[in-house]
Amino acid sequence: LWDIEVGYVTSEDIYIVKLTSNLRGKKYKYVKLNELYTREAEIIHQL
């Protein structure tokens, strides 16, 4: 259902996640890794 990639932005010492839907449109969303915890309900709604 989703392609999942974890990236590390070297210049800012932070991890981000790219979630790409494999349903029609192949839309994607970048999220700071720590926000997967602090914004759980909001991110689920957006996805």
ModelCIF file with pLDDT and N, C-alpha, C, O atoms, coordinates in Angstrom:
data_MODEL
#
_entry.id   MODEL 
#
_entity.id                         1 
_entity.type                       polymer 
_entity.pdbx_number_of_molecules   1 
#
_entity_poly.entity_id                      1 
_entity_poly.type                           'polypeptide(L)' 
_entity_poly.nstd_linkage                   no 
_entity_poly.nstd_monomer                   no 
_entity_poly.pdbx_seq_one_letter_code       LWDIEVGYVTSEDIYIVKLTSNLRGKKYKYVKLNELYTREAEIIHQL 
_entity_poly.pdbx_seq_one_letter_code_can   LWDIEVGYVTSEDIYIVKLTSNLRGKKYKYVKLNELYTREAEIIHQL 
_entity_poly.pdbx_strand_id                 A 
#
loop_
_entity_poly_seq.entity_id 
_entity_poly_seq.num 
_entity_poly_seq.mon_id 
_entity_poly_seq.hetero 
1 1  LEU n 
1 2  TRP n 
1 3  ASP n 
1 4  ILE n 
1 5  GLU n 
1 6  VAL n 
1 7  GLY n 
1 8  TYR n 
1 9  VAL n 
1 10 THR n 
1 11 SER n 
1 12 GLU n 
1 13 ASP n 
1 14 ILE n 
1 15 TYR n 
1 16 ILE n 
1 17 VAL n 
1 18 LYS n 
1 19 LEU n 
1 20 THR n 
1 21 SER n 
1 22 ASN n 
1 23 LEU n 
1 24 ARG n 
1 25 GLY n 
1 26 LYS n 
1 27 LYS n 
1 28 TYR n 
1 29 LYS n 
1 30 TYR n 
1 31 VAL n 
1 32 LYS n 
1 33 LEU n 
1 34 ASN n 
1 35 GLU n 
1 36 LEU n 
1 37 TYR n 
1 38 THR n 
1 39 ARG n 
1 40 GLU n 
1 41 ALA n 
1 42 GLU n 
1 43 ILE n 
1 44 ILE n 
1 45 HIS n 
1 46 GLN n 
1 47 LEU n 
#
_struct_asym.id          A 
_struct_asym.entity_id   1 
#
loop_
_ma_qa_metric.id 
_ma_qa_metric.mode 
_ma_qa_metric.name 
_ma_qa_metric.software_group_id 
_ma_qa_metric.type 
1 global pLDDT . pLDDT 
2 local  pLDDT . pLDDT 
#
_ma_qa_metric_global.metric_id      1 
_ma_qa_metric_global.metric_value   89.57 
_ma_qa_metric_global.model_id       1 
_ma_qa_metric_global.ordinal_id     1 
#
loop_
_ma_qa_metric_local.label_asym_id 
_ma_qa_metric_local.label_comp_id 
_ma_qa_metric_local.label_seq_id 
_ma_qa_metric_local.metric_id 
_ma_qa_metric_local.metric_value 
_ma_qa_metric_local.model_id 
_ma_qa_metric_local.ordinal_id 
A LEU 1  2 94.00 1 1  
A TRP 2  2 94.00 1 2  
A ASP 3  2 93.00 1 3  
A ILE 4  2 94.00 1 4  
A GLU 5  2 92.00 1 5  
A VAL 6  2 94.00 1 6  
A GLY 7  2 92.00 1 7  
A TYR 8  2 93.00 1 8  
A VAL 9  2 91.00 1 9  
A THR 10 2 89.00 1 10 
A SER 11 2 88.00 1 11 
A GLU 12 2 89.00 1 12 
A ASP 13 2 92.00 1 13 
A ILE 14 2 93.00 1 14 
A TYR 15 2 94.00 1 15 
A ILE 16 2 93.00 1 16 
A VAL 17 2 94.00 1 17 
A LYS 18 2 90.00 1 18 
A LEU 19 2 91.00 1 19 
A THR 20 2 88.00 1 20 
A SER 21 2 89.00 1 21 
A ASN 22 2 89.00 1 22 
A LEU 23 2 87.00 1 23 
A ARG 24 2 72.00 1 24 
A GLY 25 2 66.00 1 25 
A LYS 26 2 75.00 1 26 
A LYS 27 2 79.00 1 27 
A TYR 28 2 82.00 1 28 
A LYS 29 2 85.00 1 29 
A TYR 30 2 88.00 1 30 
A VAL 31 2 90.00 1 31 
A LYS 32 2 92.00 1 32 
A LEU 33 2 94.00 1 33 
A ASN 34 2 93.00 1 34 
A GLU 35 2 93.00 1 35 
A LEU 36 2 94.00 1 36 
A TYR 37 2 94.00 1 37 
A THR 38 2 93.00 1 38 
A ARG 39 2 91.00 1 39 
A GLU 40 2 93.00 1 40 
A ALA 41 2 92.00 1 41 
A GLU 42 2 89.00 1 42 
A ILE 43 2 91.00 1 43 
A ILE 44 2 93.00 1 44 
A HIS 45 2 90.00 1 45 
A GLN 46 2 87.00 1 46 
A LEU 47 2 91.00 1 47 
#
loop_
_atom_site.group_PDB 
_atom_site.id 
_atom_site.type_symbol 
_atom_site.label_atom_id 
_atom_site.label_alt_id 
_atom_site.label_comp_id 
_atom_site.label_asym_id 
_atom_site.label_entity_id 
_atom_site.label_seq_id 
_atom_site.pdbx_PDB_ins_code 
_atom_site.Cartn_x 
_atom_site.Cartn_y 
_atom_site.Cartn_z 
_atom_site.occupancy 
_atom_site.B_iso_or_equiv 
_atom_site.pdbx_formal_charge 
_atom_site.auth_seq_id 
_atom_site.auth_comp_id 
_atom_site.auth_asym_id 
_atom_site.auth_atom_id 
_atom_site.pdbx_PDB_model_num 
ATOM 1   N N  . LEU A 1 1  ? 0.817  -1.212 0.000  1.00 94.00 ? 1  LEU A N  1 
ATOM 2   C CA . LEU A 1 1  ? 0.000  0.000  0.000  1.00 94.00 ? 1  LEU A CA 1 
ATOM 3   C C  . LEU A 1 1  ? 0.855  1.267  0.000  1.00 94.00 ? 1  LEU A C  1 
ATOM 4   O O  . LEU A 1 1  ? 0.477  2.278  -0.592 1.00 94.00 ? 1  LEU A O  1 
ATOM 5   N N  . TRP A 1 2  ? 2.003  1.207  0.664  1.00 94.00 ? 2  TRP A N  1 
ATOM 6   C CA . TRP A 1 2  ? 2.867  2.379  0.793  1.00 94.00 ? 2  TRP A CA 1 
ATOM 7   C C  . TRP A 1 2  ? 4.321  2.002  0.547  1.00 94.00 ? 2  TRP A C  1 
ATOM 8   O O  . TRP A 1 2  ? 4.774  0.933  0.957  1.00 94.00 ? 2  TRP A O  1 
ATOM 9   N N  . ASP A 1 3  ? 5.048  2.890  -0.126 1.00 93.00 ? 3  ASP A N  1 
ATOM 10  C CA . ASP A 1 3  ? 6.504  2.832  -0.139 1.00 93.00 ? 3  ASP A CA 1 
ATOM 11  C C  . ASP A 1 3  ? 6.999  3.706  1.004  1.00 93.00 ? 3  ASP A C  1 
ATOM 12  O O  . ASP A 1 3  ? 6.510  4.819  1.194  1.00 93.00 ? 3  ASP A O  1 
ATOM 13  N N  . ILE A 1 4  ? 7.966  3.206  1.764  1.00 94.00 ? 4  ILE A N  1 
ATOM 14  C CA . ILE A 1 4  ? 8.444  3.909  2.958  1.00 94.00 ? 4  ILE A CA 1 
ATOM 15  C C  . ILE A 1 4  ? 9.944  4.134  2.844  1.00 94.00 ? 4  ILE A C  1 
ATOM 16  O O  . ILE A 1 4  ? 10.714 3.190  2.670  1.00 94.00 ? 4  ILE A O  1 
ATOM 17  N N  . GLU A 1 5  ? 10.350 5.398  2.944  1.00 92.00 ? 5  GLU A N  1 
ATOM 18  C CA . GLU A 1 5  ? 11.768 5.744  2.880  1.00 92.00 ? 5  GLU A CA 1 
ATOM 19  C C  . GLU A 1 5  ? 12.135 6.602  4.091  1.00 92.00 ? 5  GLU A C  1 
ATOM 20  O O  . GLU A 1 5  ? 11.375 7.481  4.496  1.00 92.00 ? 5  GLU A O  1 
ATOM 21  N N  . VAL A 1 6  ? 13.286 6.339  4.649  1.00 94.00 ? 6  VAL A N  1 
ATOM 22  C CA . VAL A 1 6  ? 13.785 7.115  5.790  1.00 94.00 ? 6  VAL A CA 1 
ATOM 23  C C  . VAL A 1 6  ? 15.022 7.872  5.321  1.00 94.00 ? 6  VAL A C  1 
ATOM 24  O O  . VAL A 1 6  ? 15.963 7.282  4.789  1.00 94.00 ? 6  VAL A O  1 
ATOM 25  N N  . GLY A 1 7  ? 15.006 9.179  5.525  1.00 92.00 ? 7  GLY A N  1 
ATOM 26  C CA . GLY A 1 7  ? 16.128 10.004 5.122  1.00 92.00 ? 7  GLY A CA 1 
ATOM 27  C C  . GLY A 1 7  ? 16.721 10.760 6.295  1.00 92.00 ? 7  GLY A C  1 
ATOM 28  O O  . GLY A 1 7  ? 16.070 10.964 7.320  1.00 92.00 ? 7  GLY A O  1 
ATOM 29  N N  . TYR A 1 8  ? 17.969 11.170 6.126  1.00 93.00 ? 8  TYR A N  1 
ATOM 30  C CA . TYR A 1 8  ? 18.668 11.943 7.160  1.00 93.00 ? 8  TYR A CA 1 
ATOM 31  C C  . TYR A 1 8  ? 19.181 13.226 6.507  1.00 93.00 ? 8  TYR A C  1 
ATOM 32  O O  . TYR A 1 8  ? 20.039 13.191 5.625  1.00 93.00 ? 8  TYR A O  1 
ATOM 33  N N  . VAL A 1 9  ? 18.633 14.369 6.963  1.00 91.00 ? 9  VAL A N  1 
ATOM 34  C CA . VAL A 1 9  ? 19.047 15.664 6.434  1.00 91.00 ? 9  VAL A CA 1 
ATOM 35  C C  . VAL A 1 9  ? 20.313 16.077 7.177  1.00 91.00 ? 9  VAL A C  1 
ATOM 36  O O  . VAL A 1 9  ? 20.258 16.536 8.318  1.00 91.00 ? 9  VAL A O  1 
ATOM 37  N N  . THR A 1 10 ? 21.436 15.909 6.522  1.00 89.00 ? 10 THR A N  1 
ATOM 38  C CA . THR A 1 10 ? 22.732 16.088 7.179  1.00 89.00 ? 10 THR A CA 1 
ATOM 39  C C  . THR A 1 10 ? 22.911 17.497 7.726  1.00 89.00 ? 10 THR A C  1 
ATOM 40  O O  . THR A 1 10 ? 23.419 17.676 8.832  1.00 89.00 ? 10 THR A O  1 
ATOM 41  N N  . SER A 1 11 ? 22.494 18.499 6.954  1.00 88.00 ? 11 SER A N  1 
ATOM 42  C CA . SER A 1 11 ? 22.732 19.889 7.359  1.00 88.00 ? 11 SER A CA 1 
ATOM 43  C C  . SER A 1 11 ? 21.999 20.274 8.623  1.00 88.00 ? 11 SER A C  1 
ATOM 44  O O  . SER A 1 11 ? 22.395 21.220 9.305  1.00 88.00 ? 11 SER A O  1 
ATOM 45  N N  . GLU A 1 12 ? 20.917 19.545 8.955  1.00 89.00 ? 12 GLU A N  1 
ATOM 46  C CA . GLU A 1 12 ? 20.107 19.911 10.122 1.00 89.00 ? 12 GLU A CA 1 
ATOM 47  C C  . GLU A 1 12 ? 20.018 18.798 11.155 1.00 89.00 ? 12 GLU A C  1 
ATOM 48  O O  . GLU A 1 12 ? 19.300 18.922 12.147 1.00 89.00 ? 12 GLU A O  1 
ATOM 49  N N  . ASP A 1 13 ? 20.762 17.686 10.919 1.00 92.00 ? 13 ASP A N  1 
ATOM 50  C CA . ASP A 1 13 ? 20.823 16.590 11.885 1.00 92.00 ? 13 ASP A CA 1 
ATOM 51  C C  . ASP A 1 13 ? 19.427 16.116 12.286 1.00 92.00 ? 13 ASP A C  1 
ATOM 52  O O  . ASP A 1 13 ? 19.095 16.056 13.470 1.00 92.00 ? 13 ASP A O  1 
ATOM 53  N N  . ILE A 1 14 ? 18.617 15.781 11.281 1.00 93.00 ? 14 ILE A N  1 
ATOM 54  C CA . ILE A 1 14 ? 17.248 15.366 11.574 1.00 93.00 ? 14 ILE A CA 1 
ATOM 55  C C  . ILE A 1 14 ? 16.811 14.282 10.585 1.00 93.00 ? 14 ILE A C  1 
ATOM 56  O O  . ILE A 1 14 ? 17.184 14.299 9.412  1.00 93.00 ? 14 ILE A O  1 
ATOM 57  N N  . TYR A 1 15 ? 16.015 13.345 11.090 1.00 94.00 ? 15 TYR A N  1 
ATOM 58  C CA . TYR A 1 15 ? 15.462 12.277 10.255 1.00 94.00 ? 15 TYR A CA 1 
ATOM 59  C C  . TYR A 1 15 ? 14.090 12.702 9.716  1.00 94.00 ? 15 TYR A C  1 
ATOM 60  O O  . TYR A 1 15 ? 13.289 13.303 10.431 1.00 94.00 ? 15 TYR A O  1 
ATOM 61  N N  . ILE A 1 16 ? 13.835 12.378 8.447  1.00 93.00 ? 16 ILE A N  1 
ATOM 62  C CA . ILE A 1 16 ? 12.508 12.580 7.887  1.00 93.00 ? 16 ILE A CA 1 
ATOM 63  C C  . ILE A 1 16 ? 12.074 11.301 7.187  1.00 93.00 ? 16 ILE A C  1 
ATOM 64  O O  . ILE A 1 16 ? 12.901 10.474 6.805  1.00 93.00 ? 16 ILE A O  1 
ATOM 65  N N  . VAL A 1 17 ? 10.772 11.155 7.028  1.00 94.00 ? 17 VAL A N  1 
ATOM 66  C CA . VAL A 1 17 ? 10.195 9.963  6.422  1.00 94.00 ? 17 VAL A CA 1 
ATOM 67  C C  . VAL A 1 17 ? 9.372  10.379 5.209  1.00 94.00 ? 17 VAL A C  1 
ATOM 68  O O  . VAL A 1 17 ? 8.618  11.351 5.264  1.00 94.00 ? 17 VAL A O  1 
ATOM 69  N N  . LYS A 1 18 ? 9.519  9.644  4.121  1.00 90.00 ? 18 LYS A N  1 
ATOM 70  C CA . LYS A 1 18 ? 8.693  9.867  2.936  1.00 90.00 ? 18 LYS A CA 1 
ATOM 71  C C  . LYS A 1 18 ? 7.759  8.672  2.776  1.00 90.00 ? 18 LYS A C  1 
ATOM 72  O O  . LYS A 1 18 ? 8.211  7.536  2.630  1.00 90.00 ? 18 LYS A O  1 
ATOM 73  N N  . LEU A 1 19 ? 6.453  8.936  2.804  1.00 91.00 ? 19 LEU A N  1 
ATOM 74  C CA . LEU A 1 19 ? 5.436  7.903  2.645  1.00 91.00 ? 19 LEU A CA 1 
ATOM 75  C C  . LEU A 1 19 ? 4.738  8.133  1.307  1.00 91.00 ? 19 LEU A C  1 
ATOM 76  O O  . LEU A 1 19 ? 4.100  9.168  1.109  1.00 91.00 ? 19 LEU A O  1 
ATOM 77  N N  . THR A 1 20 ? 4.854  7.179  0.393  1.00 88.00 ? 20 THR A N  1 
ATOM 78  C CA . THR A 1 20 ? 4.275  7.299  -0.939 1.00 88.00 ? 20 THR A CA 1 
ATOM 79  C C  . THR A 1 20 ? 3.171  6.277  -1.115 1.00 88.00 ? 20 THR A C  1 
ATOM 80  O O  . THR A 1 20 ? 3.416  5.075  -1.008 1.00 88.00 ? 20 THR A O  1 
ATOM 81  N N  . SER A 1 21 ? 1.966  6.734  -1.383 1.00 89.00 ? 21 SER A N  1 
ATOM 82  C CA . SER A 1 21 ? 0.840  5.824  -1.592 1.00 89.00 ? 21 SER A CA 1 
ATOM 83  C C  . SER A 1 21 ? 0.965  5.137  -2.940 1.00 89.00 ? 21 SER A C  1 
ATOM 84  O O  . SER A 1 21 ? 1.315  5.777  -3.931 1.00 89.00 ? 21 SER A O  1 
ATOM 85  N N  . ASN A 1 22 ? 0.685  3.845  -2.988 1.00 89.00 ? 22 ASN A N  1 
ATOM 86  C CA . ASN A 1 22 ? 0.700  3.101  -4.242 1.00 89.00 ? 22 ASN A CA 1 
ATOM 87  C C  . ASN A 1 22 ? -0.696 2.980  -4.847 1.00 89.00 ? 22 ASN A C  1 
ATOM 88  O O  . ASN A 1 22 ? -0.900 2.251  -5.818 1.00 89.00 ? 22 ASN A O  1 
ATOM 89  N N  . LEU A 1 23 ? -1.654 3.700  -4.264 1.00 87.00 ? 23 LEU A N  1 
ATOM 90  C CA . LEU A 1 23 ? -2.961 3.794  -4.899 1.00 87.00 ? 23 LEU A CA 1 
ATOM 91  C C  . LEU A 1 23 ? -2.870 4.821  -6.025 1.00 87.00 ? 23 LEU A C  1 
ATOM 92  O O  . LEU A 1 23 ? -1.801 5.392  -6.245 1.00 87.00 ? 23 LEU A O  1 
ATOM 93  N N  . ARG A 1 24 ? -3.941 5.064  -6.727 1.00 72.00 ? 24 ARG A N  1 
ATOM 94  C CA . ARG A 1 24 ? -3.918 5.962  -7.877 1.00 72.00 ? 24 ARG A CA 1 
ATOM 95  C C  . ARG A 1 24 ? -3.376 7.337  -7.497 1.00 72.00 ? 24 ARG A C  1 
ATOM 96  O O  . ARG A 1 24 ? -3.730 7.901  -6.462 1.00 72.00 ? 24 ARG A O  1 
ATOM 97  N N  . GLY A 1 25 ? -2.522 7.851  -8.347 1.00 66.00 ? 25 GLY A N  1 
ATOM 98  C CA . GLY A 1 25 ? -1.963 9.164  -8.111 1.00 66.00 ? 25 GLY A CA 1 
ATOM 99  C C  . GLY A 1 25 ? -0.560 9.148  -7.547 1.00 66.00 ? 25 GLY A C  1 
ATOM 100 O O  . GLY A 1 25 ? 0.199  10.099 -7.736 1.00 66.00 ? 25 GLY A O  1 
ATOM 101 N N  . LYS A 1 26 ? -0.204 8.067  -6.849 1.00 75.00 ? 26 LYS A N  1 
ATOM 102 C CA . LYS A 1 26 ? 1.146  7.932  -6.269 1.00 75.00 ? 26 LYS A CA 1 
ATOM 103 C C  . LYS A 1 26 ? 1.549  9.180  -5.482 1.00 75.00 ? 26 LYS A C  1 
ATOM 104 O O  . LYS A 1 26 ? 2.687  9.638  -5.583 1.00 75.00 ? 26 LYS A O  1 
ATOM 105 N N  . LYS A 1 27 ? 0.618  9.729  -4.699 1.00 79.00 ? 27 LYS A N  1 
ATOM 106 C CA . LYS A 1 27 ? 0.930  10.923 -3.919 1.00 79.00 ? 27 LYS A CA 1 
ATOM 107 C C  . LYS A 1 27 ? 1.792  10.548 -2.722 1.00 79.00 ? 27 LYS A C  1 
ATOM 108 O O  . LYS A 1 27 ? 1.779  9.409  -2.254 1.00 79.00 ? 27 LYS A O  1 
ATOM 109 N N  . TYR A 1 28 ? 2.541  11.534 -2.238 1.00 82.00 ? 28 TYR A N  1 
ATOM 110 C CA . TYR A 1 28 ? 3.456  11.254 -1.136 1.00 82.00 ? 28 TYR A CA 1 
ATOM 111 C C  . TYR A 1 28 ? 3.433  12.377 -0.113 1.00 82.00 ? 28 TYR A C  1 
ATOM 112 O O  . TYR A 1 28 ? 2.935  13.473 -0.368 1.00 82.00 ? 28 TYR A O  1 
ATOM 113 N N  . LYS A 1 29 ? 3.988  12.069 1.056  1.00 85.00 ? 29 LYS A N  1 
ATOM 114 C CA . LYS A 1 29 ? 4.078  13.055 2.124  1.00 85.00 ? 29 LYS A CA 1 
ATOM 115 C C  . LYS A 1 29 ? 5.392  12.872 2.863  1.00 85.00 ? 29 LYS A C  1 
ATOM 116 O O  . LYS A 1 29 ? 5.785  11.753 3.193  1.00 85.00 ? 29 LYS A O  1 
ATOM 117 N N  . TYR A 1 30 ? 6.072  14.001 3.120  1.00 88.00 ? 30 TYR A N  1 
ATOM 118 C CA . TYR A 1 30 ? 7.249  14.004 3.978  1.00 88.00 ? 30 TYR A CA 1 
ATOM 119 C C  . TYR A 1 30 ? 6.816  14.378 5.393  1.00 88.00 ? 30 TYR A C  1 
ATOM 120 O O  . TYR A 1 30 ? 5.986  15.267 5.584  1.00 88.00 ? 30 TYR A O  1 
ATOM 121 N N  . VAL A 1 31 ? 7.390  13.689 6.385  1.00 90.00 ? 31 VAL A N  1 
ATOM 122 C CA . VAL A 1 31 ? 7.105  13.983 7.787  1.00 90.00 ? 31 VAL A CA 1 
ATOM 123 C C  . VAL A 1 31 ? 8.399  13.904 8.579  1.00 90.00 ? 31 VAL A C  1 
ATOM 124 O O  . VAL A 1 31 ? 9.194  12.984 8.383  1.00 90.00 ? 31 VAL A O  1 
ATOM 125 N N  . LYS A 1 32 ? 8.615  14.857 9.466  1.00 92.00 ? 32 LYS A N  1 
ATOM 126 C CA . LYS A 1 32 ? 9.735  14.718 10.400 1.00 92.00 ? 32 LYS A CA 1 
ATOM 127 C C  . LYS A 1 32 ? 9.467  13.513 11.288 1.00 92.00 ? 32 LYS A C  1 
ATOM 128 O O  . LYS A 1 32 ? 8.352  13.336 11.779 1.00 92.00 ? 32 LYS A O  1 
ATOM 129 N N  . LEU A 1 33 ? 10.485 12.682 11.497 1.00 94.00 ? 33 LEU A N  1 
ATOM 130 C CA . LEU A 1 33 ? 10.258 11.417 12.202 1.00 94.00 ? 33 LEU A CA 1 
ATOM 131 C C  . LEU A 1 33 ? 9.642  11.617 13.582 1.00 94.00 ? 33 LEU A C  1 
ATOM 132 O O  . LEU A 1 33 ? 8.739  10.876 13.967 1.00 94.00 ? 33 LEU A O  1 
ATOM 133 N N  . ASN A 1 34 ? 10.118 12.607 14.328 1.00 93.00 ? 34 ASN A N  1 
ATOM 134 C CA . ASN A 1 34 ? 9.579  12.806 15.674 1.00 93.00 ? 34 ASN A CA 1 
ATOM 135 C C  . ASN A 1 34 ? 8.099  13.187 15.646 1.00 93.00 ? 34 ASN A C  1 
ATOM 136 O O  . ASN A 1 34 ? 7.379  12.942 16.614 1.00 93.00 ? 34 ASN A O  1 
ATOM 137 N N  . GLU A 1 35 ? 7.634  13.795 14.525 1.00 93.00 ? 35 GLU A N  1 
ATOM 138 C CA . GLU A 1 35 ? 6.233  14.198 14.446 1.00 93.00 ? 35 GLU A CA 1 
ATOM 139 C C  . GLU A 1 35 ? 5.300  13.025 14.190 1.00 93.00 ? 35 GLU A C  1 
ATOM 140 O O  . GLU A 1 35 ? 4.085  13.161 14.333 1.00 93.00 ? 35 GLU A O  1 
ATOM 141 N N  . LEU A 1 36 ? 5.850  11.870 13.812 1.00 94.00 ? 36 LEU A N  1 
ATOM 142 C CA . LEU A 1 36 ? 5.020  10.674 13.700 1.00 94.00 ? 36 LEU A CA 1 
ATOM 143 C C  . LEU A 1 36 ? 4.406  10.327 15.055 1.00 94.00 ? 36 LEU A C  1 
ATOM 144 O O  . LEU A 1 36 ? 3.348  9.702  15.126 1.00 94.00 ? 36 LEU A O  1 
ATOM 145 N N  . TYR A 1 37 ? 5.076  10.734 16.119 1.00 94.00 ? 37 TYR A N  1 
ATOM 146 C CA . TYR A 1 37 ? 4.569  10.503 17.478 1.00 94.00 ? 37 TYR A CA 1 
ATOM 147 C C  . TYR A 1 37 ? 3.718  11.670 17.973 1.00 94.00 ? 37 TYR A C  1 
ATOM 148 O O  . TYR A 1 37 ? 2.643  11.461 18.534 1.00 94.00 ? 37 TYR A O  1 
ATOM 149 N N  . THR A 1 38 ? 4.197  12.895 17.767 1.00 93.00 ? 38 THR A N  1 
ATOM 150 C CA . THR A 1 38 ? 3.530  14.061 18.365 1.00 93.00 ? 38 THR A CA 1 
ATOM 151 C C  . THR A 1 38 ? 2.291  14.504 17.597 1.00 93.00 ? 38 THR A C  1 
ATOM 152 O O  . THR A 1 38 ? 1.446  15.217 18.139 1.00 93.00 ? 38 THR A O  1 
ATOM 153 N N  . ARG A 1 39 ? 2.174  14.080 16.315 1.00 91.00 ? 39 ARG A N  1 
ATOM 154 C CA . ARG A 1 39 ? 1.026  14.497 15.492 1.00 91.00 ? 39 ARG A CA 1 
ATOM 155 C C  . ARG A 1 39 ? 0.299  13.274 14.915 1.00 91.00 ? 39 ARG A C  1 
ATOM 156 O O  . ARG A 1 39 ? -0.190 13.313 13.786 1.00 91.00 ? 39 ARG A O  1 
ATOM 157 N N  . GLU A 1 40 ? 0.235  12.208 15.685 1.00 93.00 ? 40 GLU A N  1 
ATOM 158 C CA . GLU A 1 40 ? -0.280 10.940 15.159 1.00 93.00 ? 40 GLU A CA 1 
ATOM 159 C C  . GLU A 1 40 ? -1.657 11.073 14.518 1.00 93.00 ? 40 GLU A C  1 
ATOM 160 O O  . GLU A 1 40 ? -1.820 10.699 13.357 1.00 93.00 ? 40 GLU A O  1 
ATOM 161 N N  . ALA A 1 41 ? -2.639 11.586 15.225 1.00 92.00 ? 41 ALA A N  1 
ATOM 162 C CA . ALA A 1 41 ? -4.011 11.653 14.700 1.00 92.00 ? 41 ALA A CA 1 
ATOM 163 C C  . ALA A 1 41 ? -4.070 12.518 13.442 1.00 92.00 ? 41 ALA A C  1 
ATOM 164 O O  . ALA A 1 41 ? -4.740 12.164 12.471 1.00 92.00 ? 41 ALA A O  1 
ATOM 165 N N  . GLU A 1 42 ? -3.374 13.640 13.462 1.00 89.00 ? 42 GLU A N  1 
ATOM 166 C CA . GLU A 1 42 ? -3.370 14.551 12.314 1.00 89.00 ? 42 GLU A CA 1 
ATOM 167 C C  . GLU A 1 42 ? -2.749 13.896 11.086 1.00 89.00 ? 42 GLU A C  1 
ATOM 168 O O  . GLU A 1 42 ? -3.271 14.022 9.978  1.00 89.00 ? 42 GLU A O  1 
ATOM 169 N N  . ILE A 1 43 ? -1.633 13.195 11.284 1.00 91.00 ? 43 ILE A N  1 
ATOM 170 C CA . ILE A 1 43 ? -0.943 12.578 10.144 1.00 91.00 ? 43 ILE A CA 1 
ATOM 171 C C  . ILE A 1 43 ? -1.759 11.417 9.573  1.00 91.00 ? 43 ILE A C  1 
ATOM 172 O O  . ILE A 1 43 ? -1.831 11.259 8.354  1.00 91.00 ? 43 ILE A O  1 
ATOM 173 N N  . ILE A 1 44 ? -2.365 10.615 10.424 1.00 93.00 ? 44 ILE A N  1 
ATOM 174 C CA . ILE A 1 44 ? -3.234 9.540  9.931  1.00 93.00 ? 44 ILE A CA 1 
ATOM 175 C C  . ILE A 1 44 ? -4.343 10.129 9.071  1.00 93.00 ? 44 ILE A C  1 
ATOM 176 O O  . ILE A 1 44 ? -4.646 9.605  7.999  1.00 93.00 ? 44 ILE A O  1 
ATOM 177 N N  . HIS A 1 45 ? -4.952 11.223 9.541  1.00 90.00 ? 45 HIS A N  1 
ATOM 178 C CA . HIS A 1 45 ? -6.022 11.882 8.787  1.00 90.00 ? 45 HIS A CA 1 
ATOM 179 C C  . HIS A 1 45 ? -5.510 12.372 7.435  1.00 90.00 ? 45 HIS A C  1 
ATOM 180 O O  . HIS A 1 45 ? -6.200 12.218 6.427  1.00 90.00 ? 45 HIS A O  1 
ATOM 181 N N  . GLN A 1 46 ? -4.317 12.958 7.394  1.00 87.00 ? 46 GLN A N  1 
ATOM 182 C CA . GLN A 1 46 ? -3.747 13.463 6.143  1.00 87.00 ? 46 GLN A CA 1 
ATOM 183 C C  . GLN A 1 46 ? -3.442 12.329 5.175  1.00 87.00 ? 46 GLN A C  1 
ATOM 184 O O  . GLN A 1 46 ? -3.687 12.455 3.975  1.00 87.00 ? 46 GLN A O  1 
ATOM 185 N N  . LEU A 1 47 ? -2.910 11.221 5.688  1.00 91.00 ? 47 LEU A N  1 
ATOM 186 C CA . LEU A 1 47 ? -2.572 10.094 4.819  1.00 91.00 ? 47 LEU A CA 1 
ATOM 187 C C  . LEU A 1 47 ? -3.815 9.435  4.233  1.00 91.00 ? 47 LEU A C  1 
ATOM 188 O O  . LEU A 1 47 ? -3.704 8.469  3.479  1.00 91.00 ? 47 LEU A O  1 
#
